[in-house]
């Protein structure tokens, strides 16, 4: 059997269901701890194995991962790169370059300003509060969830508020767009596009409603 024929056969075998591939910061487990809760037989989630923490390195890690695992948008797969802008870290040029790389491989760039945990904040109400650092977001989370830490699995605590968080995120996005903000810029503060990933995971996960209750 030729190599191409073998590849096609493997592709047909594994493509019973599409895959959601996600790239996150190599040192940060907050995203993976939370997002793994959406994984099921109906919703297959794969995380990039890269170790980089800078936007360009993360983008290249994800590209290498999806090539190795034969994950492609043309197969019906969804591919996301999650980046924290962190504000005041002079990362914008790297974020812009990462976006260029993502565009070449049908990867959707998802930014959060200042950090992914802002997605958690939106579970507790709509806000346009500007944060000067990622630590400020984490301190706010400690006021909302007792003993909160980055390694905590907050999913069981906030999952019944997911729909509310999506609504709040969309409202905030419209607010920032009306104010002329570039959503993938650190000056778009606060902001998170994580709701787009969650909507995709919910759509592919028939067990979400059951898990939420």
N, C-alpha and C. Protein backbone atom coordinates (compact mmCIF):
# COMPACT_ATOMS: atom_id res chain seq x y z
N UNK A 1 0.85 -1.19 0.00
CA UNK A 1 0.00 0.00 0.00
C UNK A 1 0.88 1.24 0.00
N UNK A 2 0.64 2.17 -0.94
CA UNK A 2 1.44 3.38 -1.03
C UNK A 2 1.23 4.30 0.15
N UNK A 3 2.20 5.20 0.36
CA UNK A 3 2.15 6.10 1.50
C UNK A 3 0.92 7.01 1.43
N UNK A 4 0.61 7.54 0.23
CA UNK A 4 -0.54 8.42 0.08
C UNK A 4 -1.83 7.68 0.37
N UNK A 5 -1.94 6.45 -0.14
CA UNK A 5 -3.15 5.66 0.10
C UNK A 5 -3.33 5.37 1.58
N UNK A 6 -2.20 5.07 2.28
CA UNK A 6 -2.25 4.80 3.72
C UNK A 6 -2.71 6.04 4.47
N UNK A 7 -2.22 7.21 4.07
CA UNK A 7 -2.61 8.45 4.73
C UNK A 7 -4.10 8.70 4.56
N UNK A 8 -4.62 8.46 3.34
CA UNK A 8 -6.04 8.67 3.11
C UNK A 8 -6.88 7.72 3.95
N UNK A 9 -6.41 6.48 4.08
CA UNK A 9 -7.16 5.51 4.87
C UNK A 9 -7.18 5.92 6.33
N UNK A 10 -6.04 6.36 6.86
CA UNK A 10 -5.97 6.82 8.24
C UNK A 10 -6.88 8.03 8.44
N UNK A 11 -6.88 8.92 7.43
CA UNK A 11 -7.71 10.12 7.52
C UNK A 11 -9.18 9.74 7.62
N UNK A 12 -9.61 8.81 6.78
CA UNK A 12 -11.01 8.40 6.79
C UNK A 12 -11.39 7.73 8.10
N UNK A 13 -10.44 7.00 8.71
CA UNK A 13 -10.72 6.32 9.96
C UNK A 13 -10.89 7.30 11.11
N UNK A 14 -10.07 8.34 11.16
CA UNK A 14 -10.09 9.24 12.30
C UNK A 14 -11.08 10.39 12.11
N UNK A 15 -11.59 10.56 10.89
CA UNK A 15 -12.44 11.70 10.63
C UNK A 15 -13.93 11.40 10.83
N UNK A 16 -14.23 10.46 11.71
CA UNK A 16 -15.63 10.24 12.06
C UNK A 16 -16.17 11.50 12.73
N UNK A 17 -15.34 12.12 13.54
CA UNK A 17 -15.70 13.37 14.21
C UNK A 17 -14.58 14.39 13.97
N UNK A 18 -14.97 15.65 13.92
CA UNK A 18 -13.96 16.70 13.76
C UNK A 18 -13.26 16.94 15.08
N UNK A 19 -12.14 17.63 14.99
CA UNK A 19 -11.29 17.89 16.15
C UNK A 19 -11.22 19.40 16.39
N UNK A 20 -11.18 19.79 17.66
CA UNK A 20 -10.90 21.17 18.03
C UNK A 20 -9.48 21.20 18.59
N UNK A 21 -8.59 21.86 17.88
CA UNK A 21 -7.19 21.96 18.31
C UNK A 21 -6.96 23.34 18.92
N UNK A 22 -6.29 23.36 20.06
CA UNK A 22 -6.10 24.61 20.80
C UNK A 22 -4.64 24.77 21.20
N UNK A 23 -4.09 25.93 20.92
CA UNK A 23 -2.75 26.27 21.37
C UNK A 23 -2.82 27.26 22.51
N UNK A 24 -2.13 26.96 23.61
CA UNK A 24 -2.09 27.85 24.79
C UNK A 24 -0.64 28.05 25.19
N UNK A 25 -0.40 28.98 26.11
CA UNK A 25 0.95 29.21 26.60
C UNK A 25 1.51 27.95 27.25
N UNK A 26 2.75 27.62 26.90
CA UNK A 26 3.34 26.40 27.38
C UNK A 26 3.44 26.28 28.88
N UNK A 27 3.65 27.41 29.58
CA UNK A 27 3.84 27.37 31.03
C UNK A 27 2.52 27.50 31.79
N UNK A 28 1.46 27.85 31.07
CA UNK A 28 0.20 28.18 31.72
C UNK A 28 -0.81 27.06 31.55
N UNK A 29 -1.21 26.43 32.64
CA UNK A 29 -2.16 25.32 32.59
C UNK A 29 -3.59 25.77 32.85
N UNK A 30 -3.80 27.06 33.14
CA UNK A 30 -5.14 27.55 33.46
C UNK A 30 -6.14 27.21 32.36
N UNK A 31 -5.75 27.49 31.11
CA UNK A 31 -6.64 27.26 29.98
C UNK A 31 -6.95 25.77 29.81
N UNK A 32 -5.92 24.94 29.85
CA UNK A 32 -6.14 23.51 29.61
C UNK A 32 -6.97 22.88 30.72
N UNK A 33 -6.74 23.29 31.97
CA UNK A 33 -7.52 22.75 33.09
C UNK A 33 -9.00 23.02 32.87
N UNK A 34 -9.32 24.23 32.45
CA UNK A 34 -10.71 24.61 32.24
C UNK A 34 -11.30 23.96 30.99
N UNK A 35 -10.60 24.06 29.86
CA UNK A 35 -11.15 23.62 28.59
C UNK A 35 -11.29 22.11 28.48
N UNK A 36 -10.47 21.37 29.20
CA UNK A 36 -10.57 19.91 29.17
C UNK A 36 -11.94 19.43 29.65
N UNK A 37 -12.62 20.25 30.43
CA UNK A 37 -13.93 19.86 30.93
C UNK A 37 -14.97 19.73 29.82
N UNK A 38 -14.70 20.33 28.67
CA UNK A 38 -15.64 20.25 27.54
C UNK A 38 -15.37 19.04 26.65
N UNK A 39 -14.33 18.29 26.95
CA UNK A 39 -13.97 17.15 26.12
C UNK A 39 -14.91 15.98 26.37
N UNK A 40 -15.32 15.32 25.29
CA UNK A 40 -16.20 14.17 25.40
C UNK A 40 -16.07 13.34 24.13
N UNK A 41 -16.83 12.28 24.03
CA UNK A 41 -16.83 11.48 22.80
C UNK A 41 -17.35 12.28 21.62
N UNK A 42 -18.24 13.22 21.91
CA UNK A 42 -18.79 14.05 20.84
C UNK A 42 -17.89 15.24 20.50
N UNK A 43 -17.06 15.64 21.44
CA UNK A 43 -16.24 16.84 21.26
C UNK A 43 -14.79 16.49 21.58
N UNK A 44 -14.00 16.29 20.54
CA UNK A 44 -12.61 15.88 20.70
C UNK A 44 -11.73 17.13 20.73
N UNK A 45 -11.05 17.34 21.84
CA UNK A 45 -10.17 18.50 22.00
C UNK A 45 -8.73 18.03 22.07
N UNK A 46 -7.88 18.67 21.28
CA UNK A 46 -6.46 18.36 21.32
C UNK A 46 -5.70 19.66 21.60
N UNK A 47 -4.71 19.57 22.49
CA UNK A 47 -3.93 20.74 22.86
C UNK A 47 -2.53 20.65 22.27
N UNK A 48 -2.07 21.77 21.73
CA UNK A 48 -0.72 21.83 21.17
C UNK A 48 0.30 21.45 22.24
N UNK A 49 1.30 20.71 21.83
CA UNK A 49 2.32 20.23 22.77
C UNK A 49 3.51 21.17 22.89
N UNK A 50 3.43 22.33 22.29
CA UNK A 50 4.54 23.28 22.34
C UNK A 50 4.77 23.85 23.73
N UNK A 51 5.98 24.36 23.96
CA UNK A 51 6.37 24.89 25.26
C UNK A 51 6.61 26.40 25.25
N UNK A 52 6.43 27.04 24.12
CA UNK A 52 6.71 28.47 24.05
C UNK A 52 5.64 29.28 24.78
N UNK A 53 6.04 30.49 25.21
CA UNK A 53 5.10 31.40 25.87
C UNK A 53 4.95 32.72 25.10
N UNK A 54 5.79 32.96 24.11
CA UNK A 54 5.68 34.16 23.29
C UNK A 54 4.73 33.89 22.13
N UNK A 55 3.98 34.90 21.65
CA UNK A 55 2.97 34.69 20.61
C UNK A 55 3.49 34.02 19.34
N UNK A 56 4.65 34.44 18.85
CA UNK A 56 5.18 33.85 17.62
C UNK A 56 5.55 32.39 17.84
N UNK A 57 6.22 32.11 18.95
CA UNK A 57 6.59 30.73 19.27
C UNK A 57 5.37 29.85 19.44
N UNK A 58 4.32 30.39 20.09
CA UNK A 58 3.09 29.63 20.28
C UNK A 58 2.43 29.31 18.94
N UNK A 59 2.42 30.30 18.05
CA UNK A 59 1.82 30.09 16.73
C UNK A 59 2.58 29.01 15.96
N UNK A 60 3.90 29.07 15.99
CA UNK A 60 4.70 28.08 15.29
C UNK A 60 4.55 26.69 15.92
N UNK A 61 4.46 26.63 17.23
CA UNK A 61 4.23 25.35 17.91
C UNK A 61 2.91 24.72 17.45
N UNK A 62 1.87 25.55 17.36
CA UNK A 62 0.56 25.05 16.96
C UNK A 62 0.58 24.58 15.51
N UNK A 63 1.24 25.32 14.65
CA UNK A 63 1.36 24.91 13.25
C UNK A 63 2.05 23.57 13.13
N UNK A 64 3.15 23.41 13.87
CA UNK A 64 3.88 22.14 13.85
C UNK A 64 3.00 20.99 14.36
N UNK A 65 2.22 21.28 15.40
CA UNK A 65 1.35 20.27 16.00
C UNK A 65 0.26 19.82 15.03
N UNK A 66 -0.43 20.77 14.39
CA UNK A 66 -1.53 20.39 13.51
C UNK A 66 -1.02 19.68 12.25
N UNK A 67 0.18 20.03 11.81
CA UNK A 67 0.77 19.31 10.67
C UNK A 67 1.07 17.87 11.05
N UNK A 68 1.65 17.70 12.23
CA UNK A 68 2.01 16.35 12.70
C UNK A 68 0.78 15.49 12.91
N UNK A 69 -0.29 16.09 13.43
CA UNK A 69 -1.51 15.35 13.77
C UNK A 69 -2.53 15.34 12.63
N UNK A 70 -2.19 15.94 11.49
CA UNK A 70 -3.07 15.98 10.32
C UNK A 70 -4.41 16.61 10.68
N UNK A 71 -4.35 17.76 11.32
CA UNK A 71 -5.55 18.51 11.71
C UNK A 71 -5.67 19.70 10.76
N UNK A 72 -6.81 19.79 10.06
CA UNK A 72 -6.98 20.83 9.06
C UNK A 72 -8.40 21.35 9.05
N UNK A 73 -8.54 22.64 8.77
CA UNK A 73 -9.87 23.24 8.67
C UNK A 73 -10.67 22.59 7.55
N UNK A 74 -10.01 22.17 6.48
CA UNK A 74 -10.71 21.58 5.34
C UNK A 74 -11.35 20.24 5.69
N UNK A 75 -10.91 19.63 6.80
CA UNK A 75 -11.52 18.39 7.27
C UNK A 75 -12.73 18.67 8.18
N UNK A 76 -12.97 19.93 8.46
CA UNK A 76 -14.01 20.28 9.42
C UNK A 76 -13.48 20.55 10.81
N UNK A 77 -12.15 20.47 10.96
CA UNK A 77 -11.53 20.75 12.26
C UNK A 77 -11.55 22.26 12.53
N UNK A 78 -11.53 22.61 13.80
CA UNK A 78 -11.42 23.99 14.23
C UNK A 78 -10.09 24.15 14.97
N UNK A 79 -9.39 25.23 14.69
CA UNK A 79 -8.06 25.43 15.27
C UNK A 79 -7.99 26.83 15.87
N UNK A 80 -7.59 26.90 17.14
CA UNK A 80 -7.56 28.19 17.85
C UNK A 80 -6.20 28.39 18.52
N UNK A 81 -5.74 29.62 18.50
CA UNK A 81 -4.56 30.01 19.27
C UNK A 81 -4.99 31.04 20.30
N UNK A 82 -4.81 30.71 21.58
CA UNK A 82 -5.22 31.58 22.67
C UNK A 82 -4.02 32.35 23.21
N UNK A 83 -4.09 33.67 23.14
CA UNK A 83 -2.98 34.51 23.56
C UNK A 83 -3.47 35.56 24.56
N UNK A 84 -2.72 35.74 25.63
CA UNK A 84 -2.95 36.83 26.57
C UNK A 84 -2.11 38.03 26.12
N UNK A 85 -2.73 39.20 26.03
CA UNK A 85 -1.94 40.38 25.65
C UNK A 85 -1.08 40.86 26.81
N UNK A 86 -1.55 40.63 28.04
CA UNK A 86 -0.81 40.98 29.27
C UNK A 86 -0.68 42.48 29.52
N UNK A 87 -0.95 43.33 28.55
CA UNK A 87 -0.83 44.79 28.60
C UNK A 87 0.51 45.26 29.15
N UNK A 88 1.03 46.31 28.55
CA UNK A 88 2.29 46.94 28.96
C UNK A 88 3.49 45.99 28.90
N UNK A 89 3.39 44.98 28.06
CA UNK A 89 4.50 44.03 27.92
C UNK A 89 5.17 44.12 26.55
N UNK A 90 4.78 45.11 25.75
CA UNK A 90 5.36 45.31 24.42
C UNK A 90 5.29 44.06 23.55
N UNK A 91 4.12 43.40 23.59
CA UNK A 91 3.93 42.17 22.83
C UNK A 91 3.20 42.38 21.52
N UNK A 92 2.76 43.62 21.24
CA UNK A 92 1.86 43.82 20.11
C UNK A 92 2.47 43.40 18.78
N UNK A 93 3.73 43.70 18.55
CA UNK A 93 4.36 43.32 17.28
C UNK A 93 4.40 41.80 17.14
N UNK A 94 4.60 41.11 18.26
CA UNK A 94 4.60 39.65 18.21
C UNK A 94 3.19 39.11 17.97
N UNK A 95 2.21 39.74 18.59
CA UNK A 95 0.82 39.32 18.37
C UNK A 95 0.45 39.50 16.90
N UNK A 96 0.85 40.62 16.31
CA UNK A 96 0.55 40.88 14.90
C UNK A 96 1.20 39.83 14.00
N UNK A 97 2.44 39.45 14.31
CA UNK A 97 3.13 38.43 13.52
C UNK A 97 2.46 37.07 13.72
N UNK A 98 2.06 36.77 14.93
CA UNK A 98 1.38 35.51 15.20
C UNK A 98 0.08 35.43 14.40
N UNK A 99 -0.62 36.56 14.29
CA UNK A 99 -1.86 36.59 13.51
C UNK A 99 -1.59 36.29 12.05
N UNK A 100 -0.50 36.80 11.51
CA UNK A 100 -0.12 36.51 10.12
C UNK A 100 0.09 35.01 9.93
N UNK A 101 0.79 34.39 10.88
CA UNK A 101 1.02 32.95 10.80
C UNK A 101 -0.30 32.19 10.87
N UNK A 102 -1.17 32.61 11.78
CA UNK A 102 -2.48 31.96 11.93
C UNK A 102 -3.28 32.03 10.64
N UNK A 103 -3.26 33.18 9.99
CA UNK A 103 -4.03 33.36 8.76
C UNK A 103 -3.59 32.40 7.66
N UNK A 104 -2.33 32.01 7.69
CA UNK A 104 -1.82 31.10 6.66
C UNK A 104 -2.32 29.67 6.84
N UNK A 105 -2.75 29.33 8.05
CA UNK A 105 -3.13 27.95 8.35
C UNK A 105 -4.56 27.81 8.89
N UNK A 106 -5.40 28.77 8.58
CA UNK A 106 -6.81 28.72 9.01
C UNK A 106 -6.95 28.55 10.51
N UNK A 107 -6.06 29.21 11.24
CA UNK A 107 -6.11 29.21 12.70
C UNK A 107 -6.78 30.51 13.14
N UNK A 108 -7.72 30.41 14.06
CA UNK A 108 -8.37 31.62 14.57
C UNK A 108 -7.63 32.10 15.82
N UNK A 109 -7.15 33.33 15.76
CA UNK A 109 -6.45 33.92 16.89
C UNK A 109 -7.47 34.44 17.89
N UNK A 110 -7.33 34.01 19.14
CA UNK A 110 -8.23 34.42 20.22
C UNK A 110 -7.40 35.15 21.27
N UNK A 111 -7.65 36.44 21.42
CA UNK A 111 -6.89 37.20 22.41
C UNK A 111 -7.75 37.50 23.64
N UNK A 112 -7.08 37.66 24.76
CA UNK A 112 -7.71 38.09 26.00
C UNK A 112 -6.85 39.20 26.59
N UNK A 113 -7.48 40.29 26.97
CA UNK A 113 -6.78 41.41 27.58
C UNK A 113 -7.37 41.72 28.94
N UNK A 114 -6.56 41.61 30.01
CA UNK A 114 -5.14 41.28 29.94
C UNK A 114 -4.85 39.77 29.86
N UNK A 115 -5.79 38.92 30.32
CA UNK A 115 -5.49 37.51 30.50
C UNK A 115 -6.72 36.65 30.36
N UNK A 116 -6.52 35.36 30.17
CA UNK A 116 -7.60 34.40 29.99
C UNK A 116 -8.62 34.45 31.12
N UNK A 117 -8.15 34.70 32.34
CA UNK A 117 -9.06 34.71 33.49
C UNK A 117 -10.15 35.77 33.39
N UNK A 118 -9.97 36.73 32.48
CA UNK A 118 -11.04 37.70 32.31
C UNK A 118 -12.31 37.02 31.81
N UNK A 119 -12.17 35.91 31.10
CA UNK A 119 -13.33 35.11 30.69
C UNK A 119 -14.10 34.65 31.92
N UNK A 120 -13.39 34.27 32.96
CA UNK A 120 -14.06 33.87 34.21
C UNK A 120 -14.82 35.04 34.82
N UNK A 121 -14.20 36.23 34.79
CA UNK A 121 -14.83 37.42 35.37
C UNK A 121 -16.22 37.64 34.78
N UNK A 122 -16.36 37.43 33.49
CA UNK A 122 -17.62 37.70 32.80
C UNK A 122 -18.73 36.73 33.21
N UNK A 123 -18.40 35.68 33.92
CA UNK A 123 -19.43 34.78 34.44
C UNK A 123 -20.19 35.42 35.60
N UNK A 124 -19.61 36.47 36.16
CA UNK A 124 -20.19 37.09 37.35
C UNK A 124 -20.85 38.43 37.06
N UNK A 125 -20.95 38.77 35.77
CA UNK A 125 -21.62 40.01 35.40
C UNK A 125 -20.89 40.76 34.31
N UNK A 126 -21.60 41.65 33.66
CA UNK A 126 -21.01 42.46 32.59
C UNK A 126 -20.21 43.60 33.19
N UNK A 127 -19.03 43.85 32.63
CA UNK A 127 -18.19 44.93 33.11
C UNK A 127 -17.27 45.42 31.99
N UNK A 128 -16.95 46.68 32.02
CA UNK A 128 -15.94 47.25 31.11
C UNK A 128 -14.74 47.77 31.90
N UNK A 129 -14.60 47.30 33.11
CA UNK A 129 -13.50 47.74 33.97
C UNK A 129 -12.15 47.49 33.29
N UNK A 130 -11.32 48.52 33.25
CA UNK A 130 -10.00 48.40 32.65
C UNK A 130 -9.02 47.84 33.68
N UNK A 131 -8.25 46.85 33.26
CA UNK A 131 -7.25 46.23 34.14
C UNK A 131 -5.85 46.65 33.71
N UNK A 132 -5.03 46.98 34.67
CA UNK A 132 -3.66 47.41 34.38
C UNK A 132 -2.67 46.26 34.34
N UNK A 133 -3.11 45.08 34.78
CA UNK A 133 -2.22 43.92 34.78
C UNK A 133 -3.04 42.64 34.90
N UNK A 134 -2.41 41.52 34.58
CA UNK A 134 -3.05 40.22 34.75
C UNK A 134 -3.31 39.93 36.22
N UNK A 135 -2.42 40.42 37.07
CA UNK A 135 -2.57 40.18 38.51
C UNK A 135 -3.85 40.82 39.05
N UNK A 136 -4.24 41.95 38.51
CA UNK A 136 -5.47 42.59 38.94
C UNK A 136 -6.68 41.70 38.64
N UNK A 137 -6.67 41.05 37.49
CA UNK A 137 -7.76 40.13 37.14
C UNK A 137 -7.80 38.97 38.13
N UNK A 138 -6.63 38.42 38.42
CA UNK A 138 -6.56 37.27 39.33
C UNK A 138 -6.99 37.67 40.74
N UNK A 139 -6.67 38.87 41.15
CA UNK A 139 -7.11 39.34 42.47
C UNK A 139 -8.63 39.50 42.52
N UNK A 140 -9.22 39.96 41.42
CA UNK A 140 -10.67 40.05 41.36
C UNK A 140 -11.31 38.67 41.44
N UNK A 141 -10.66 37.69 40.83
CA UNK A 141 -11.18 36.33 40.88
C UNK A 141 -11.17 35.79 42.31
N UNK A 142 -10.17 36.18 43.08
CA UNK A 142 -10.10 35.74 44.47
C UNK A 142 -11.25 36.30 45.29
N UNK A 143 -11.78 37.44 44.85
CA UNK A 143 -12.94 38.02 45.52
C UNK A 143 -14.24 37.34 45.12
N UNK A 144 -14.21 36.62 44.01
CA UNK A 144 -15.41 35.98 43.49
C UNK A 144 -15.45 34.49 43.82
N UNK A 145 -14.28 33.86 43.88
CA UNK A 145 -14.19 32.43 44.20
C UNK A 145 -13.18 32.27 45.34
N UNK A 146 -13.64 31.74 46.44
CA UNK A 146 -12.78 31.58 47.61
C UNK A 146 -11.59 30.69 47.28
N UNK A 147 -10.40 31.14 47.70
CA UNK A 147 -9.16 30.39 47.51
C UNK A 147 -8.83 30.16 46.03
N UNK A 148 -9.26 31.07 45.17
CA UNK A 148 -8.96 30.92 43.74
C UNK A 148 -7.46 30.89 43.49
N UNK A 149 -7.06 30.01 42.57
CA UNK A 149 -5.68 29.96 42.09
C UNK A 149 -5.70 29.55 40.63
N UNK A 150 -4.60 29.80 39.92
CA UNK A 150 -4.53 29.48 38.49
C UNK A 150 -4.67 27.99 38.23
N UNK A 151 -4.31 27.17 39.20
CA UNK A 151 -4.37 25.72 39.03
C UNK A 151 -5.73 25.12 39.43
N UNK A 152 -6.66 25.99 39.84
CA UNK A 152 -7.98 25.50 40.28
C UNK A 152 -8.86 25.19 39.07
N UNK A 153 -9.58 24.09 39.14
CA UNK A 153 -10.57 23.78 38.11
C UNK A 153 -11.88 24.49 38.48
N UNK A 154 -12.10 25.66 37.88
CA UNK A 154 -13.27 26.46 38.23
C UNK A 154 -14.52 26.03 37.48
N UNK A 155 -14.37 25.13 36.53
CA UNK A 155 -15.49 24.72 35.69
C UNK A 155 -16.73 24.32 36.49
N UNK A 156 -16.60 23.44 37.50
CA UNK A 156 -17.81 23.05 38.25
C UNK A 156 -18.49 24.21 38.96
N UNK A 157 -17.71 25.26 39.26
CA UNK A 157 -18.24 26.40 39.99
C UNK A 157 -18.98 27.37 39.08
N UNK A 158 -18.48 27.54 37.86
CA UNK A 158 -19.03 28.58 36.98
C UNK A 158 -19.80 28.05 35.77
N UNK A 159 -19.85 26.73 35.59
CA UNK A 159 -20.43 26.20 34.36
C UNK A 159 -21.89 26.58 34.15
N UNK A 160 -22.65 26.73 35.24
CA UNK A 160 -24.06 27.10 35.09
C UNK A 160 -24.23 28.57 34.69
N UNK A 161 -23.12 29.31 34.61
CA UNK A 161 -23.15 30.72 34.21
C UNK A 161 -22.53 30.91 32.82
N UNK A 162 -22.26 29.83 32.12
CA UNK A 162 -21.56 29.93 30.84
C UNK A 162 -22.33 30.75 29.82
N UNK A 163 -23.62 30.50 29.69
CA UNK A 163 -24.42 31.24 28.72
C UNK A 163 -24.42 32.74 29.04
N UNK A 164 -24.47 33.07 30.32
CA UNK A 164 -24.42 34.47 30.73
C UNK A 164 -23.07 35.09 30.37
N UNK A 165 -22.00 34.34 30.55
CA UNK A 165 -20.67 34.83 30.21
C UNK A 165 -20.54 35.08 28.71
N UNK A 166 -21.10 34.19 27.91
CA UNK A 166 -21.07 34.38 26.45
C UNK A 166 -21.81 35.65 26.07
N UNK A 167 -22.98 35.87 26.66
CA UNK A 167 -23.75 37.08 26.39
C UNK A 167 -22.96 38.33 26.78
N UNK A 168 -22.32 38.28 27.94
CA UNK A 168 -21.54 39.43 28.41
C UNK A 168 -20.34 39.69 27.51
N UNK A 169 -19.69 38.61 27.05
CA UNK A 169 -18.52 38.75 26.18
C UNK A 169 -18.91 39.38 24.85
N UNK A 170 -20.04 38.99 24.31
CA UNK A 170 -20.50 39.56 23.04
C UNK A 170 -20.88 41.03 23.22
N UNK A 171 -21.49 41.34 24.33
CA UNK A 171 -21.84 42.73 24.61
C UNK A 171 -20.59 43.59 24.72
N UNK A 172 -19.57 43.07 25.39
CA UNK A 172 -18.32 43.79 25.54
C UNK A 172 -17.63 43.96 24.18
N UNK A 173 -17.66 42.91 23.36
CA UNK A 173 -17.05 42.99 22.04
C UNK A 173 -17.70 44.09 21.21
N UNK A 174 -19.02 44.15 21.23
CA UNK A 174 -19.72 45.20 20.50
C UNK A 174 -19.36 46.58 21.04
N UNK A 175 -19.21 46.68 22.36
CA UNK A 175 -18.82 47.94 22.99
C UNK A 175 -17.46 48.40 22.48
N UNK A 176 -16.49 47.48 22.41
CA UNK A 176 -15.15 47.83 21.98
C UNK A 176 -15.10 48.17 20.49
N UNK A 177 -15.87 47.44 19.70
CA UNK A 177 -15.91 47.73 18.26
C UNK A 177 -16.50 49.12 18.01
N UNK A 178 -17.58 49.44 18.72
CA UNK A 178 -18.20 50.76 18.57
C UNK A 178 -17.25 51.87 18.97
N UNK A 179 -16.30 51.55 19.85
CA UNK A 179 -15.31 52.54 20.28
C UNK A 179 -14.05 52.51 19.42
N UNK A 180 -14.12 51.79 18.30
CA UNK A 180 -13.03 51.79 17.33
C UNK A 180 -11.82 50.98 17.72
N UNK A 181 -11.99 50.05 18.63
CA UNK A 181 -10.86 49.26 19.11
C UNK A 181 -10.58 48.06 18.19
N UNK A 182 -9.29 47.76 18.01
CA UNK A 182 -8.85 46.54 17.35
C UNK A 182 -8.89 45.43 18.40
N UNK A 183 -9.70 44.42 18.19
CA UNK A 183 -9.92 43.40 19.21
C UNK A 183 -8.65 42.62 19.55
N UNK A 184 -7.70 42.59 18.63
CA UNK A 184 -6.45 41.84 18.88
C UNK A 184 -5.31 42.75 19.31
N UNK A 185 -5.67 43.85 19.93
CA UNK A 185 -4.66 44.80 20.39
C UNK A 185 -4.74 44.96 21.90
N UNK A 186 -3.60 45.11 22.56
CA UNK A 186 -3.59 45.21 24.01
C UNK A 186 -4.32 46.46 24.52
N UNK A 187 -4.51 47.43 23.63
CA UNK A 187 -5.25 48.63 24.02
C UNK A 187 -6.76 48.39 24.09
N UNK A 188 -7.20 47.26 23.58
CA UNK A 188 -8.61 46.88 23.67
C UNK A 188 -8.80 46.21 25.03
N UNK A 189 -8.97 47.03 26.05
CA UNK A 189 -8.92 46.59 27.44
C UNK A 189 -10.18 47.06 28.16
N UNK A 190 -10.98 46.10 28.68
CA UNK A 190 -10.76 44.65 28.70
C UNK A 190 -11.40 44.00 27.47
N UNK A 191 -10.99 42.75 27.21
CA UNK A 191 -11.58 42.01 26.10
C UNK A 191 -11.20 40.54 26.22
N UNK A 192 -12.09 39.68 25.75
CA UNK A 192 -11.74 38.27 25.56
C UNK A 192 -12.59 37.69 24.45
N UNK A 193 -11.95 36.96 23.56
CA UNK A 193 -12.66 36.26 22.49
C UNK A 193 -12.87 34.79 22.80
N UNK A 194 -12.62 34.40 24.04
CA UNK A 194 -12.72 32.98 24.43
C UNK A 194 -14.12 32.44 24.20
N UNK A 195 -15.12 33.31 24.25
CA UNK A 195 -16.50 32.85 24.05
C UNK A 195 -16.66 32.13 22.71
N UNK A 196 -15.86 32.51 21.70
CA UNK A 196 -15.94 31.88 20.39
C UNK A 196 -15.54 30.41 20.46
N UNK A 197 -14.53 30.13 21.25
CA UNK A 197 -14.09 28.74 21.45
C UNK A 197 -15.17 27.96 22.20
N UNK A 198 -15.71 28.58 23.23
CA UNK A 198 -16.72 27.90 24.05
C UNK A 198 -17.97 27.61 23.23
N UNK A 199 -18.39 28.52 22.39
CA UNK A 199 -19.55 28.27 21.54
C UNK A 199 -19.31 27.08 20.62
N UNK A 200 -18.10 26.97 20.10
CA UNK A 200 -17.76 25.84 19.23
C UNK A 200 -17.77 24.53 20.02
N UNK A 201 -17.23 24.56 21.22
CA UNK A 201 -17.20 23.36 22.05
C UNK A 201 -18.61 22.94 22.46
N UNK A 202 -19.44 23.90 22.76
CA UNK A 202 -20.84 23.60 23.10
C UNK A 202 -21.56 23.00 21.91
N UNK A 203 -21.32 23.54 20.74
CA UNK A 203 -21.99 23.06 19.53
C UNK A 203 -21.61 21.61 19.24
N UNK A 204 -20.33 21.28 19.48
CA UNK A 204 -19.88 19.93 19.20
C UNK A 204 -20.09 18.95 20.33
N UNK A 205 -20.53 19.46 21.47
CA UNK A 205 -20.63 18.61 22.65
C UNK A 205 -22.09 18.42 23.05
N UNK A 206 -22.65 17.31 22.68
CA UNK A 206 -24.06 17.03 22.97
C UNK A 206 -24.31 16.84 24.46
N UNK A 207 -23.23 16.60 25.21
CA UNK A 207 -23.38 16.36 26.64
C UNK A 207 -23.32 17.64 27.46
N UNK A 208 -23.14 18.79 26.80
CA UNK A 208 -22.91 20.02 27.58
C UNK A 208 -24.06 20.30 28.53
N UNK A 209 -25.29 20.23 28.03
CA UNK A 209 -26.44 20.55 28.87
C UNK A 209 -26.50 19.61 30.08
N UNK A 210 -26.19 18.35 29.85
CA UNK A 210 -26.22 17.38 30.95
C UNK A 210 -25.12 17.66 31.94
N UNK A 211 -23.93 17.98 31.43
CA UNK A 211 -22.80 18.26 32.32
C UNK A 211 -23.00 19.52 33.13
N UNK A 212 -23.77 20.47 32.59
CA UNK A 212 -23.95 21.77 33.21
C UNK A 212 -24.86 21.66 34.42
N UNK A 213 -25.75 20.68 34.41
CA UNK A 213 -26.73 20.54 35.48
C UNK A 213 -26.20 19.69 36.63
